[in-house]
PDB file of N, CA and C in Angstrom:
ATOM      1  N   MET A   1     -16.010  19.993 -12.422  1.00  0.00           N
ATOM      2  CA  MET A   1     -17.410  20.639 -12.687  1.00  0.00           C
ATOM      3  C   MET A   1     -18.286  19.823 -12.471  1.00  0.00           C
ATOM      4  N   ARG A   2     -19.578  20.252 -11.864  1.00  0.00           N
ATOM      5  CA  ARG A   2     -20.554  19.218 -11.192  1.00  0.00           C
ATOM      6  C   ARG A   2     -22.066  19.559 -11.791  1.00  0.00           C
ATOM      7  N   ILE A   3     -22.593  18.284 -12.268  1.00  0.00           N
ATOM      8  CA  ILE A   3     -23.871  18.568 -13.192  1.00  0.00           C
ATOM      9  C   ILE A   3     -24.921  18.070 -12.175  1.00  0.00           C
ATOM     10  N   GLU A   4     -26.070  18.553 -11.944  1.00  0.00           N
ATOM     11  CA  GLU A   4     -27.273  18.245 -11.093  1.00  0.00           C
ATOM     12  C   GLU A   4     -28.433  18.539 -11.965  1.00  0.00           C
ATOM     13  N   GLN A   5     -29.059  17.273 -11.979  1.00  0.00           N
ATOM     14  CA  GLN A   5     -30.443  17.541 -12.837  1.00  0.00           C
ATOM     15  C   GLN A   5     -31.609  17.522 -11.804  1.00  0.00           C
ATOM     16  N   ILE A   6     -32.480  18.555 -12.008  1.00  0.00           N
ATOM     17  CA  ILE A   6     -33.382  18.537 -11.294  1.00  0.00           C
ATOM     18  C   ILE A   6     -34.638  18.659 -11.713  1.00  0.00           C
ATOM     19  N   PRO A   7     -35.544  17.806 -11.595  1.00  0.00           N
ATOM     20  CA  PRO A   7     -37.038  17.846 -11.920  1.00  0.00           C
ATOM     21  C   PRO A   7     -37.664  18.956 -11.391  1.00  0.00           C
ATOM     22  N   VAL A   8     -38.239  19.545 -12.544  1.00  0.00           N
ATOM     23  CA  VAL A   8     -39.192  21.005 -11.853  1.00  0.00           C
ATOM     24  C   VAL A   8     -40.386  21.228 -12.390  1.00  0.00           C
ATOM     25  N   GLY A   9     -41.218  22.008 -12.162  1.00  0.00           N
ATOM     26  CA  GLY A   9     -42.593  22.421 -12.711  1.00  0.00           C
ATOM     27  C   GLY A   9     -43.642  21.438 -12.722  1.00  0.00           C
ATOM     28  N   MET A  10     -44.375  21.627 -13.005  1.00  0.00           N
ATOM     29  CA  MET A  10     -45.748  20.750 -13.219  1.00  0.00           C
ATOM     30  C   MET A  10     -45.569  19.204 -14.232  1.00  0.00           C
ATOM     31  N   MET A  11     -44.811  19.712 -15.154  1.00  0.00           N
ATOM     32  CA  MET A  11     -44.629  18.585 -16.179  1.00  0.00           C
ATOM     33  C   MET A  11     -43.410  17.801 -15.777  1.00  0.00           C
ATOM     34  N   GLN A  12     -42.499  18.199 -14.585  1.00  0.00           N
ATOM     35  CA  GLN A  12     -41.545  17.752 -13.931  1.00  0.00           C
ATOM     36  C   GLN A  12     -40.463  17.613 -15.202  1.00  0.00           C
ATOM     37  N   VAL A  13     -40.292  18.787 -15.948  1.00  0.00           N
ATOM     38  CA  VAL A  13     -39.042  18.792 -16.568  1.00  0.00           C
ATOM     39  C   VAL A  13     -37.636  18.893 -16.099  1.00  0.00           C
ATOM     40  N   CYS A  14     -36.608  18.558 -16.884  1.00  0.00           N
ATOM     41  CA  CYS A  14     -35.330  18.662 -16.391  1.00  0.00           C
ATOM     42  C   CYS A  14     -34.778  19.976 -16.342  1.00  0.00           C
ATOM     43  N   CYS A  15     -34.234  20.600 -15.220  1.00  0.00           N
ATOM     44  CA  CYS A  15     -33.304  21.832 -15.036  1.00  0.00           C
ATOM     45  C   CYS A  15     -32.193  21.162 -14.303  1.00  0.00           C
ATOM     46  N   TYR A  16     -31.041  21.841 -15.039  1.00  0.00           N
ATOM     47  CA  TYR A  16     -29.627  21.500 -14.815  1.00  0.00           C
ATOM     48  C   TYR A  16     -28.967  22.713 -13.990  1.00  0.00           C
ATOM     49  N   ILE A  17     -28.143  22.431 -13.024  1.00  0.00           N
ATOM     50  CA  ILE A  17     -27.098  23.171 -12.301  1.00  0.00           C
ATOM     51  C   ILE A  17     -25.790  22.736 -12.665  1.00  0.00           C
ATOM     52  N   VAL A  18     -25.195  23.845 -13.214  1.00  0.00           N
ATOM     53  CA  VAL A  18     -23.716  23.452 -13.841  1.00  0.00           C
ATOM     54  C   VAL A  18     -23.026  24.336 -12.891  1.00  0.00           C
ATOM     55  N   SER A  19     -21.737  23.625 -12.289  1.00  0.00           N
ATOM     56  CA  SER A  19     -21.065  24.483 -11.143  1.00  0.00           C
ATOM     57  C   SER A  19     -19.520  24.076 -11.366  1.00  0.00           C
ATOM     58  N   CYS A  20     -18.641  25.142 -11.017  1.00  0.00           N
ATOM     59  CA  CYS A  20     -17.385  24.613 -10.698  1.00  0.00           C
ATOM     60  C   CYS A  20     -16.974  24.533  -9.348  1.00  0.00           C
ATOM     61  N   GLU A  21     -16.681  23.569  -9.156  1.00  0.00           N
ATOM     62  CA  GLU A  21     -16.268  22.941  -8.017  1.00  0.00           C
ATOM     63  C   GLU A  21     -15.035  23.674  -7.096  1.00  0.00           C
ATOM     64  N   GLU A  22     -14.498  24.379  -8.199  1.00  0.00           N
ATOM     65  CA  GLU A  22     -13.450  25.552  -7.401  1.00  0.00           C
ATOM     66  C   GLU A  22     -13.931  26.944  -6.960  1.00  0.00           C
ATOM     67  N   THR A  23     -14.685  27.352  -7.818  1.00  0.00           N
ATOM     68  CA  THR A  23     -15.239  28.600  -7.345  1.00  0.00           C
ATOM     69  C   THR A  23     -16.355  28.792  -7.229  1.00  0.00           C
ATOM     70  N   ASN A  24     -17.312  27.542  -7.294  1.00  0.00           N
ATOM     71  CA  ASN A  24     -18.497  27.694  -6.847  1.00  0.00           C
ATOM     72  C   ASN A  24     -19.645  28.687  -7.573  1.00  0.00           C
ATOM     73  N   GLU A  25     -19.189  29.003  -8.820  1.00  0.00           N
ATOM     74  CA  GLU A  25     -20.074  29.520  -9.626  1.00  0.00           C
ATOM     75  C   GLU A  25     -21.074  28.652 -10.436  1.00  0.00           C
ATOM     76  N   ALA A  26     -22.120  29.127 -10.639  1.00  0.00           N
ATOM     77  CA  ALA A  26     -22.753  28.169 -11.424  1.00  0.00           C
ATOM     78  C   ALA A  26     -23.800  28.833 -12.504  1.00  0.00           C
ATOM     79  N   ALA A  27     -24.405  27.948 -13.495  1.00  0.00           N
ATOM     80  CA  ALA A  27     -25.275  28.155 -14.459  1.00  0.00           C
ATOM     81  C   ALA A  27     -26.234  27.292 -14.277  1.00  0.00           C
ATOM     82  N   VAL A  28     -27.533  28.093 -14.205  1.00  0.00           N
ATOM     83  CA  VAL A  28     -28.958  27.208 -14.277  1.00  0.00           C
ATOM     84  C   VAL A  28     -29.585  27.251 -15.657  1.00  0.00           C
ATOM     85  N   ILE A  29     -29.754  26.189 -16.206  1.00  0.00           N
ATOM     86  CA  ILE A  29     -29.929  25.826 -17.338  1.00  0.00           C
ATOM     87  C   ILE A  29     -31.798  24.889 -17.246  1.00  0.00           C
ATOM     88  N   ASP A  30     -32.440  25.574 -17.791  1.00  0.00           N
ATOM     89  CA  ASP A  30     -34.067  25.099 -18.418  1.00  0.00           C
ATOM     90  C   ASP A  30     -34.312  25.483 -16.935  1.00  0.00           C
ATOM     91  N   ALA A  31     -34.500  26.596 -16.228  1.00  0.00           N
ATOM     92  CA  ALA A  31     -35.331  26.612 -14.807  1.00  0.00           C
ATOM     93  C   ALA A  31     -36.418  26.367 -15.037  1.00  0.00           C
ATOM     94  N   GLY A  32     -37.815  26.782 -15.844  1.00  0.00           N
ATOM     95  CA  GLY A  32     -38.889  26.403 -15.783  1.00  0.00           C
ATOM     96  C   GLY A  32     -40.069  26.287 -14.668  1.00  0.00           C
ATOM     97  N   GLY A  33     -39.593  26.537 -13.442  1.00  0.00           N
ATOM     98  CA  GLY A  33     -40.189  26.649 -12.433  1.00  0.00           C
ATOM     99  C   GLY A  33     -40.042  25.985 -11.283  1.00  0.00           C
ATOM    100  N   ASP A  34     -40.519  25.789 -10.086  1.00  0.00           N
ATOM    101  CA  ASP A  34     -40.020  25.631  -8.645  1.00  0.00           C
ATOM    102  C   ASP A  34     -38.623  26.218  -8.527  1.00  0.00           C
ATOM    103  N   GLU A  35     -39.149  27.529  -8.663  1.00  0.00           N
ATOM    104  CA  GLU A  35     -37.591  28.269  -8.186  1.00  0.00           C
ATOM    105  C   GLU A  35     -37.147  28.233  -7.067  1.00  0.00           C
ATOM    106  N   GLU A  36     -37.989  27.987  -5.949  1.00  0.00           N
ATOM    107  CA  GLU A  36     -37.359  27.960  -4.738  1.00  0.00           C
ATOM    108  C   GLU A  36     -36.591  26.749  -4.548  1.00  0.00           C
ATOM    109  N   VAL A  37     -36.972  25.314  -5.503  1.00  0.00           N
ATOM    110  CA  VAL A  37     -36.282  24.460  -5.052  1.00  0.00           C
ATOM    111  C   VAL A  37     -34.858  24.434  -5.626  1.00  0.00           C
ATOM    112  N   ILE A  38     -34.873  25.286  -6.824  1.00  0.00           N
ATOM    113  CA  ILE A  38     -33.534  25.298  -7.481  1.00  0.00           C
ATOM    114  C   ILE A  38     -32.781  26.165  -6.612  1.00  0.00           C
ATOM    115  N   LEU A  39     -33.493  27.565  -6.077  1.00  0.00           N
ATOM    116  CA  LEU A  39     -32.571  28.323  -5.282  1.00  0.00           C
ATOM    117  C   LEU A  39     -31.882  27.658  -3.920  1.00  0.00           C
ATOM    118  N   ASP A  40     -32.978  26.798  -3.101  1.00  0.00           N
ATOM    119  CA  ASP A  40     -32.330  25.943  -2.003  1.00  0.00           C
ATOM    120  C   ASP A  40     -31.137  25.368  -2.477  1.00  0.00           C
ATOM    121  N   ARG A  41     -31.388  24.430  -3.668  1.00  0.00           N
ATOM    122  CA  ARG A  41     -30.265  23.480  -4.072  1.00  0.00           C
ATOM    123  C   ARG A  41     -29.132  24.504  -4.209  1.00  0.00           C
ATOM    124  N   CYS A  42     -29.070  25.523  -4.695  1.00  0.00           N
ATOM    125  CA  CYS A  42     -28.019  26.352  -4.655  1.00  0.00           C
ATOM    126  C   CYS A  42     -27.213  26.631  -3.669  1.00  0.00           C
ATOM    127  N   ARG A  43     -28.011  27.155  -2.700  1.00  0.00           N
ATOM    128  CA  ARG A  43     -27.819  27.841  -1.011  1.00  0.00           C
ATOM    129  C   ARG A  43     -27.159  26.520  -0.795  1.00  0.00           C
ATOM    130  N   LYS A  44     -27.873  25.403  -0.357  1.00  0.00           N
ATOM    131  CA  LYS A  44     -27.417  24.388   0.099  1.00  0.00           C
ATOM    132  C   LYS A  44     -25.698  23.863  -0.220  1.00  0.00           C
ATOM    133  N   ASN A  45     -25.429  24.341  -1.679  1.00  0.00           N
ATOM    134  CA  ASN A  45     -24.271  24.084  -2.006  1.00  0.00           C
ATOM    135  C   ASN A  45     -23.165  25.213  -2.124  1.00  0.00           C
ATOM    136  N   ASN A  46     -23.781  26.032  -1.889  1.00  0.00           N
ATOM    137  CA  ASN A  46     -22.781  27.681  -1.688  1.00  0.00           C
ATOM    138  C   ASN A  46     -22.807  28.002  -3.050  1.00  0.00           C
ATOM    139  N   LEU A  47     -23.555  27.877  -4.034  1.00  0.00           N
ATOM    140  CA  LEU A  47     -23.115  28.102  -5.292  1.00  0.00           C
ATOM    141  C   LEU A  47     -23.818  29.946  -5.732  1.00  0.00           C
ATOM    142  N   GLN A  48     -22.871  30.463  -6.512  1.00  0.00           N
ATOM    143  CA  GLN A  48     -23.331  31.869  -6.927  1.00  0.00           C
ATOM    144  C   GLN A  48     -23.471  31.669  -8.351  1.00  0.00           C
ATOM    145  N   VAL A  49     -24.916  31.981  -8.476  1.00  0.00           N
ATOM    146  CA  VAL A  49     -25.464  31.574  -9.918  1.00  0.00           C
ATOM    147  C   VAL A  49     -24.980  33.090 -10.776  1.00  0.00           C
ATOM    148  N   LYS A  50     -24.010  32.515 -11.704  1.00  0.00           N
ATOM    149  CA  LYS A  50     -23.669  33.754 -12.721  1.00  0.00           C
ATOM    150  C   LYS A  50     -25.010  33.783 -13.954  1.00  0.00           C
ATOM    151  N   TYR A  51     -24.984  32.546 -14.648  1.00  0.00           N
ATOM    152  CA  TYR A  51     -25.800  32.443 -15.722  1.00  0.00           C
ATOM    153  C   TYR A  51     -26.993  31.801 -15.417  1.00  0.00           C
ATOM    154  N   ILE A  52     -27.910  32.392 -16.126  1.00  0.00           N
ATOM    155  CA  ILE A  52     -29.331  31.481 -16.068  1.00  0.00           C
ATOM    156  C   ILE A  52     -29.541  31.174 -17.615  1.00  0.00           C
ATOM    157  N   ILE A  53     -29.736  30.199 -18.298  1.00  0.00           N
ATOM    158  CA  ILE A  53     -29.886  29.821 -19.562  1.00  0.00           C
ATOM    159  C   ILE A  53     -31.075  29.152 -20.011  1.00  0.00           C
ATOM    160  N   ALA A  54     -31.855  29.640 -21.196  1.00  0.00           N
ATOM    161  CA  ALA A  54     -32.933  28.887 -21.646  1.00  0.00           C
ATOM    162  C   ALA A  54     -32.516  28.057 -22.962  1.00  0.00           C
ATOM    163  N   THR A  55     -32.300  26.977 -23.193  1.00  0.00           N
ATOM    164  CA  THR A  55     -32.144  26.194 -24.257  1.00  0.00           C
ATOM    165  C   THR A  55     -33.282  26.532 -25.365  1.00  0.00           C
ATOM    166  N   HIS A  56     -34.242  26.677 -25.267  1.00  0.00           N
ATOM    167  CA  HIS A  56     -35.715  26.827 -26.007  1.00  0.00           C
ATOM    168  C   HIS A  56     -36.605  27.753 -25.423  1.00  0.00           C
ATOM    169  N   GLY A  57     -37.604  28.420 -26.147  1.00  0.00           N
ATOM    170  CA  GLY A  57     -38.519  28.925 -25.229  1.00  0.00           C
ATOM    171  C   GLY A  57     -40.212  28.479 -25.118  1.00  0.00           C
ATOM    172  N   HIS A  58     -40.191  27.376 -25.057  1.00  0.00           N
ATOM    173  CA  HIS A  58     -41.390  26.370 -24.646  1.00  0.00           C
ATOM    174  C   HIS A  58     -41.450  27.129 -22.927  1.00  0.00           C
ATOM    175  N   PRO A  59     -42.941  27.290 -22.622  1.00  0.00           N
ATOM    176  CA  PRO A  59     -43.201  27.819 -21.356  1.00  0.00           C
ATOM    177  C   PRO A  59     -43.112  27.244 -20.285  1.00  0.00           C
ATOM    178  N   ASP A  60     -42.244  25.618 -20.199  1.00  0.00           N
ATOM    179  CA  ASP A  60     -41.722  25.086 -19.152  1.00  0.00           C
ATOM    180  C   ASP A  60     -40.471  25.296 -19.118  1.00  0.00           C
ATOM    181  N   HIS A  61     -39.972  26.090 -20.067  1.00  0.00           N
ATOM    182  CA  HIS A  61     -38.397  26.142 -19.391  1.00  0.00           C
ATOM    183  C   HIS A  61     -38.299  27.631 -19.466  1.00  0.00           C
ATOM    184  N   VAL A  62     -39.004  28.530 -19.355  1.00  0.00           N
ATOM    185  CA  VAL A  62     -38.555  30.100 -19.400  1.00  0.00           C
ATOM    186  C   VAL A  62     -39.444  30.525 -18.078  1.00  0.00           C
TER     187      VAL A  62
END
């Protein structure tokens, strides 16, 4: 399992990409903004995003 933390959005909140090193399937947690940064990181690591998870409903995480 690989876990990456990426600061995103105007408030630089933490987004996480959790992925399986064997299957390259991933979950993006609390995406919140800067979607191109997140997608570029996923593309760079050949990840297939299977899940997008919001841990809470604040505007900086949805």
